[in-house]
Amino acid sequence: MIDLKEFKEALGSAAEELSEEEILKLRENQDQMAEIFFYSWLAEINKNKV
């Protein structure tokens, strides 16, 4: 998981308009999406090996 400070910096000026709770939820959602994409990619790679 990306460091909260680094995540806020990546959001830029949008971070100033969001609450701490909203930023944490965004980071959590991003992590979940990354995990979904990774496992989808992994399944595709393994499918091609069979």
Protein backbone atom coordinates (compact mmCIF):
# COMPACT_ATOMS: atom_id res chain seq x y z
CA MET A 1 0.00 0.00 0.00
CA ILE A 2 1.28 3.43 -0.88
CA ASP A 3 2.22 5.72 2.00
CA LEU A 4 -0.59 8.15 2.89
CA LYS A 5 1.65 11.20 2.51
CA GLU A 6 2.78 10.03 -0.93
CA PHE A 7 -0.82 9.33 -1.93
CA LYS A 8 -1.88 12.83 -0.89
CA GLU A 9 0.97 14.31 -2.92
CA ALA A 10 -0.14 12.28 -5.94
CA LEU A 11 -3.66 13.69 -5.58
CA GLY A 12 -2.24 17.19 -5.82
CA SER A 13 -4.69 20.02 -5.19
CA ALA A 14 -7.60 17.58 -5.05
CA ALA A 15 -6.30 16.40 -1.66
CA GLU A 16 -7.09 19.83 -0.23
CA GLU A 17 -10.75 19.44 -1.13
CA LEU A 18 -11.15 15.98 0.39
CA SER A 19 -11.51 14.89 3.98
CA GLU A 20 -9.03 12.50 5.55
CA GLU A 21 -11.71 9.80 5.47
CA GLU A 22 -12.33 10.35 1.74
CA ILE A 23 -8.61 10.16 1.00
CA LEU A 24 -8.27 6.93 2.96
CA LYS A 25 -11.25 5.45 1.09
CA LEU A 26 -9.76 6.45 -2.26
CA ARG A 27 -6.46 4.82 -1.34
CA GLU A 28 -8.26 1.66 -0.24
CA ASN A 29 -10.25 1.58 -3.49
CA GLN A 30 -7.09 2.05 -5.52
CA ASP A 31 -5.43 -0.84 -3.70
CA GLN A 32 -8.45 -3.06 -4.33
CA MET A 33 -8.47 -2.18 -8.02
CA ALA A 34 -4.75 -2.89 -8.30
CA GLU A 35 -5.29 -6.29 -6.71
CA ILE A 36 -8.15 -7.07 -9.11
CA PHE A 37 -6.06 -6.07 -12.13
CA PHE A 38 -3.09 -8.08 -10.88
CA TYR A 39 -5.11 -11.26 -10.33
CA SER A 40 -6.87 -10.79 -13.66
CA TRP A 41 -3.49 -10.46 -15.38
CA LEU A 42 -2.16 -13.48 -13.49
CA ALA A 43 -5.18 -15.59 -14.51
CA GLU A 44 -4.64 -14.56 -18.13
CA ILE A 45 -0.96 -15.52 -17.98
CA ASN A 46 -1.78 -18.89 -16.41
CA LYS A 47 -4.56 -19.53 -18.93
CA ASN A 48 -2.09 -19.12 -21.77
CA LYS A 49 0.30 -21.66 -20.21
CA VAL A 50 -2.24 -24.49 -20.42
